[in-house]
Every structure is written in structure tokens, then in C-alpha cells.
Amino acid sequence: MCGGKIMIGMAFSPGKPEAIPQEKVWYTDDISAANNFRKEMEHPYTLYRFYDRIVWNDSIIPALVHPPSYARVPELGEVGPEERQIAETLMKLIS
């Protein structure tokens, strides 16, 4: 984080040394930093962009003698339309 912005993503062009960062403005001055601190720390985008996509599914654990067991496992779900559009826009900037 530098100058009130945080890098929250980056698009790379395959085979090229180019990259386009995706940044989010956290604050513009000391007052906005203080006012937004609690909200940003309670729900940090860089963590919740993955956490909000977790889907719990059953995984079968086979057994030779006994019936199979099941375990609940977290899986990362699909990217939402907003994040997909951001990624596509970043890729177009590189192409």
C-alpha cells in the first residue's frame, strides 16, 4: 500500500513482460483514512474476494469394508460477473 491505494489484483500478458495492476483507493487524506479504517479492516477486500466465493461440498471417502464416509470440504466457487469484467478489462489494456 502506498499513497492511500492498495493493489488488489494484477493482469499479466502471457509471453510478455507487461502487467497491469488493479488498485483500490483506501483513503485520500488523514481524515478519510481514520473514518474508513474500521470498515476496511472488518471486511478487507483482498481476503473476502476469496472468502465470499467459498462453497462447501461433500467429498466421498471410499472404504473397502465399511460404507463410504463423507467430509465437508471448502471449494472456491466461480468468479462473480463484476470481478470477471474487471479482469477482462485489465486484459484488454495489455493486449
C-alpha atoms as a PDB file:
ATOM      1  CA  MET A   1       0.000   0.000   0.000  1.00  0.00           C
ATOM      2  CA  CYS A   2       1.368   3.377  -0.924  1.00  0.00           C
ATOM      3  CA  GLY A   3      -0.242   6.804  -1.065  1.00  0.00           C
ATOM      4  CA  GLY A   4      -3.693   5.682   0.064  1.00  0.00           C
ATOM      5  CA  LYS A   5      -4.055   2.923  -2.559  1.00  0.00           C
ATOM      6  CA  ILE A   6      -3.733  -0.831  -2.256  1.00  0.00           C
ATOM      7  CA  MET A   7      -3.049  -3.252  -5.085  1.00  0.00           C
ATOM      8  CA  ILE A   8      -5.886  -5.787  -5.136  1.00  0.00           C
ATOM      9  CA  GLY A   9      -5.119  -7.588  -8.368  1.00  0.00           C
ATOM     10  CA  MET A  10      -2.938  -7.717 -11.442  1.00  0.00           C
ATOM     11  CA  ALA A  11      -3.303  -8.882 -15.017  1.00  0.00           C
ATOM     12  CA  PHE A  12      -0.353 -10.435 -16.834  1.00  0.00           C
ATOM     13  CA  SER A  13       0.047 -10.876 -20.547  1.00  0.00           C
ATOM     14  CA  PRO A  14       1.273 -14.387 -21.401  1.00  0.00           C
ATOM     15  CA  GLY A  15       4.709 -14.272 -23.018  1.00  0.00           C
ATOM     16  CA  LYS A  16       5.115 -10.537 -22.475  1.00  0.00           C
ATOM     17  CA  PRO A  17       6.848  -8.682 -19.640  1.00  0.00           C
ATOM     18  CA  GLU A  18       3.806  -6.442 -19.167  1.00  0.00           C
ATOM     19  CA  ALA A  19       1.447  -6.284 -16.216  1.00  0.00           C
ATOM     20  CA  ILE A  20      -1.477  -4.005 -15.356  1.00  0.00           C
ATOM     21  CA  PRO A  21      -2.174  -3.518 -11.635  1.00  0.00           C
ATOM     22  CA  GLN A  22      -5.679  -3.214 -10.222  1.00  0.00           C
ATOM     23  CA  GLU A  23      -5.751  -0.725  -7.376  1.00  0.00           C
ATOM     24  CA  LYS A  24      -8.341   0.372  -4.836  1.00  0.00           C
ATOM     25  CA  VAL A  25      -8.265   3.793  -3.172  1.00  0.00           C
ATOM     26  CA  TRP A  26      -8.452   3.313   0.592  1.00  0.00           C
ATOM     27  CA  TYR A  27      -8.102   6.943   1.566  1.00  0.00           C
ATOM     28  CA  THR A  28      -7.257  10.362   0.168  1.00  0.00           C
ATOM     29  CA  ASP A  29      -6.243  12.150   3.378  1.00  0.00           C
ATOM     30  CA  ASP A  30      -5.804  11.535   7.120  1.00  0.00           C
ATOM     31  CA  ILE A  31      -9.475  12.140   7.902  1.00  0.00           C
ATOM     32  CA  SER A  32     -10.759   9.671   5.306  1.00  0.00           C
ATOM     33  CA  ALA A  33      -8.148   7.123   6.469  1.00  0.00           C
ATOM     34  CA  ALA A  34      -9.399   7.382  10.056  1.00  0.00           C
ATOM     35  CA  ASN A  35     -13.068   7.285   9.016  1.00  0.00           C
ATOM     36  CA  ASN A  36     -12.656   4.213   6.770  1.00  0.00           C
ATOM     37  CA  PHE A  37     -10.190   2.218   8.870  1.00  0.00           C
ATOM     38  CA  ARG A  38     -12.662   0.111  10.849  1.00  0.00           C
ATOM     39  CA  LYS A  39     -14.839  -0.678   7.792  1.00  0.00           C
ATOM     40  CA  GLU A  40     -11.839  -1.697   5.690  1.00  0.00           C
ATOM     41  CA  MET A  41     -10.305  -3.834   8.443  1.00  0.00           C
ATOM     42  CA  GLU A  42     -13.577  -5.609   9.293  1.00  0.00           C
ATOM     43  CA  HIS A  43     -14.151  -6.667   5.673  1.00  0.00           C
ATOM     44  CA  PRO A  44     -10.836  -6.476   3.744  1.00  0.00           C
ATOM     45  CA  TYR A  45     -11.433  -6.824   0.018  1.00  0.00           C
ATOM     46  CA  THR A  46      -8.242  -8.797  -0.613  1.00  0.00           C
ATOM     47  CA  LEU A  47      -9.448 -11.534   1.777  1.00  0.00           C
ATOM     48  CA  TYR A  48     -13.194 -11.519   1.180  1.00  0.00           C
ATOM     49  CA  ARG A  49     -12.928 -11.638  -2.599  1.00  0.00           C
ATOM     50  CA  PHE A  50     -11.970 -15.285  -1.989  1.00  0.00           C
ATOM     51  CA  TYR A  51     -13.849 -15.937   1.257  1.00  0.00           C
ATOM     52  CA  ASP A  52     -17.184 -14.896  -0.263  1.00  0.00           C
ATOM     53  CA  ARG A  53     -16.684 -17.474  -3.050  1.00  0.00           C
ATOM     54  CA  ILE A  54     -16.214 -20.495  -0.749  1.00  0.00           C
ATOM     55  CA  VAL A  55     -18.740 -23.250  -1.389  1.00  0.00           C
ATOM     56  CA  TRP A  56     -18.975 -26.236   0.960  1.00  0.00           C
ATOM     57  CA  ASN A  57     -19.369 -29.623  -0.742  1.00  0.00           C
ATOM     58  CA  ASP A  58     -19.360 -33.256   0.348  1.00  0.00           C
ATOM     59  CA  SER A  59     -16.338 -35.321  -0.551  1.00  0.00           C
ATOM     60  CA  ILE A  60     -16.698 -39.104  -0.523  1.00  0.00           C
ATOM     61  CA  ILE A  61     -14.004 -41.062   1.291  1.00  0.00           C
ATOM     62  CA  PRO A  62     -14.273 -44.619  -0.040  1.00  0.00           C
ATOM     63  CA  ALA A  63     -13.673 -47.666   2.153  1.00  0.00           C
ATOM     64  CA  LEU A  64     -13.139 -51.307   1.256  1.00  0.00           C
ATOM     65  CA  VAL A  65     -15.065 -52.900   4.112  1.00  0.00           C
ATOM     66  CA  HIS A  66     -17.277 -50.200   5.588  1.00  0.00           C
ATOM     67  CA  PRO A  67     -19.695 -47.822   3.895  1.00  0.00           C
ATOM     68  CA  PRO A  68     -18.019 -44.702   2.500  1.00  0.00           C
ATOM     69  CA  SER A  69     -17.506 -41.715   4.749  1.00  0.00           C
ATOM     70  CA  TYR A  70     -18.176 -38.125   3.840  1.00  0.00           C
ATOM     71  CA  ALA A  71     -16.255 -34.977   4.667  1.00  0.00           C
ATOM     72  CA  ARG A  72     -17.326 -31.372   4.138  1.00  0.00           C
ATOM     73  CA  VAL A  73     -14.653 -29.601   2.114  1.00  0.00           C
ATOM     74  CA  PRO A  74     -14.390 -25.966   1.055  1.00  0.00           C
ATOM     75  CA  GLU A  75     -14.073 -25.273  -2.651  1.00  0.00           C
ATOM     76  CA  LEU A  76     -13.532 -21.957  -4.376  1.00  0.00           C
ATOM     77  CA  GLY A  77     -16.596 -21.047  -6.428  1.00  0.00           C
ATOM     78  CA  GLU A  78     -16.743 -19.135  -9.685  1.00  0.00           C
ATOM     79  CA  VAL A  79     -15.761 -15.506 -10.008  1.00  0.00           C
ATOM     80  CA  GLY A  80     -18.735 -13.149  -9.970  1.00  0.00           C
ATOM     81  CA  PRO A  81     -19.684 -11.062 -13.020  1.00  0.00           C
ATOM     82  CA  GLU A  82     -18.211  -7.853 -11.580  1.00  0.00           C
ATOM     83  CA  GLU A  83     -14.802  -9.376 -10.918  1.00  0.00           C
ATOM     84  CA  ARG A  84     -14.839 -11.152 -14.293  1.00  0.00           C
ATOM     85  CA  GLN A  85     -15.487  -7.842 -16.070  1.00  0.00           C
ATOM     86  CA  ILE A  86     -12.648  -6.157 -14.176  1.00  0.00           C
ATOM     87  CA  ALA A  87     -10.264  -8.957 -15.185  1.00  0.00           C
ATOM     88  CA  GLU A  88     -11.371  -8.792 -18.828  1.00  0.00           C
ATOM     89  CA  THR A  89     -10.915  -5.015 -18.866  1.00  0.00           C
ATOM     90  CA  LEU A  90      -7.391  -5.348 -17.448  1.00  0.00           C
ATOM     91  CA  MET A  91      -6.539  -7.972 -20.058  1.00  0.00           C
ATOM     92  CA  LYS A  92      -7.755  -5.709 -22.866  1.00  0.00           C
ATOM     93  CA  LEU A  93      -5.412  -2.981 -21.617  1.00  0.00           C
ATOM     94  CA  ILE A  94      -2.471  -5.330 -22.111  1.00  0.00           C
ATOM     95  CA  SER A  95      -3.498  -6.826 -25.466  1.00  0.00           C
END
